[in-house]
Amino acid sequence: MLQVQRHTCKGTDGSATNEDNYDLSNVSELEKCVAALIRVGLSSVEAAEALERNDRNVELVKALYGIDWDACGRTVQLPFTTSSG
């Protein structure tokens, strides 16, 4: 069973955040990736499928979906850009 410890994370300005933040050090990168995909709108099935279709390559999924996360579990979704050719 996964145990999560709550702790305070700092915002970008160095102040503590009001959000519920959790220590994700015991969570695998795959689990973190699935959680981040769910937070940006995918279902758990879609998130798991996204990883499976990309050979469980977390870095590739991050790049494809424009997502990342921090140690507190906050997800960032980067805007999609197009390259001018």
Protein backbone atom coordinates (compact mmCIF):
# COMPACT_ATOMS: atom_id res chain seq x y z
CA MET A 1 0.00 0.00 0.00
CA LEU A 2 1.27 3.44 -0.93
CA GLN A 3 1.74 5.87 1.92
CA VAL A 4 1.79 9.57 1.19
CA GLN A 5 3.13 12.18 3.57
CA ARG A 6 1.75 15.70 3.51
CA HIS A 7 4.20 18.59 3.57
CA THR A 8 4.38 22.25 2.66
CA CYS A 9 5.76 23.26 -0.71
CA LYS A 10 6.97 26.67 -1.69
CA GLY A 11 5.38 28.73 -4.43
CA THR A 12 7.47 30.35 -7.15
CA ASP A 13 7.93 33.41 -4.94
CA GLY A 14 9.27 31.30 -2.06
CA SER A 15 6.13 31.54 0.07
CA ALA A 16 4.27 28.47 1.30
CA THR A 17 1.33 27.46 -0.85
CA ASN A 18 -2.24 26.90 0.35
CA GLU A 19 -2.63 23.78 -1.77
CA ASP A 20 -2.59 20.27 -0.36
CA ASN A 21 0.89 19.06 -1.20
CA TYR A 22 2.18 15.56 -0.75
CA ASP A 23 5.58 13.89 -0.64
CA LEU A 24 5.70 11.76 -3.76
CA SER A 25 9.21 10.36 -3.21
CA ASN A 26 7.88 6.79 -2.88
CA VAL A 27 5.72 6.99 -5.99
CA SER A 28 7.12 5.65 -9.26
CA GLU A 29 7.56 7.93 -12.25
CA LEU A 30 4.88 5.94 -14.07
CA GLU A 31 2.38 6.59 -11.27
CA LYS A 32 3.30 10.28 -11.21
CA CYS A 33 2.80 10.45 -14.97
CA VAL A 34 -0.63 8.81 -14.80
CA ALA A 35 -1.66 11.19 -12.00
CA ALA A 36 -0.48 14.22 -14.00
CA LEU A 37 -2.38 13.09 -17.10
CA ILE A 38 -5.53 12.65 -15.01
CA ARG A 39 -5.09 16.15 -13.57
CA VAL A 40 -5.05 17.62 -17.10
CA GLY A 41 -8.26 15.86 -18.08
CA LEU A 42 -7.58 12.27 -19.15
CA SER A 43 -9.41 9.38 -17.54
CA SER A 44 -7.32 6.81 -15.69
CA VAL A 45 -7.80 4.38 -18.58
CA GLU A 46 -6.71 7.01 -21.13
CA ALA A 47 -3.69 7.95 -19.02
CA ALA A 48 -2.57 4.33 -18.69
CA GLU A 49 -3.12 3.77 -22.40
CA ALA A 50 -1.05 6.86 -23.26
CA LEU A 51 1.87 5.35 -21.35
CA GLU A 52 1.44 1.89 -22.83
CA ARG A 53 1.23 3.20 -26.41
CA ASN A 54 4.50 5.04 -25.84
CA ASP A 55 6.34 2.04 -24.39
CA ARG A 56 6.00 3.42 -20.84
CA ASN A 57 8.46 6.18 -21.76
CA VAL A 58 7.60 8.91 -19.26
CA GLU A 59 9.80 11.54 -20.93
CA LEU A 60 8.11 10.95 -24.29
CA VAL A 61 4.64 11.22 -22.73
CA LYS A 62 5.68 14.44 -20.98
CA ALA A 63 6.77 15.88 -24.32
CA LEU A 64 3.70 14.65 -26.24
CA TYR A 65 1.20 16.03 -23.73
CA GLY A 66 3.24 19.10 -22.73
CA ILE A 67 3.15 18.20 -19.04
CA ASP A 68 5.51 18.12 -16.12
CA TRP A 69 5.20 18.01 -12.32
CA ASP A 70 7.15 19.01 -9.27
CA ALA A 71 8.07 17.15 -6.09
CA CYS A 72 4.80 18.30 -4.51
CA GLY A 73 2.68 16.72 -7.20
CA ARG A 74 1.63 19.96 -8.86
CA THR A 75 1.15 19.50 -12.58
CA VAL A 76 2.15 22.05 -15.18
CA GLN A 77 0.76 21.84 -18.70
CA LEU A 78 2.82 23.77 -21.18
CA PRO A 79 1.15 25.42 -24.17
CA PHE A 80 1.48 23.57 -27.43
CA THR A 81 3.62 25.31 -30.01
CA THR A 82 4.13 24.73 -33.68
CA SER A 83 7.42 25.02 -35.44
CA SER A 84 7.53 27.31 -38.42
CA GLY A 85 9.01 25.61 -41.41
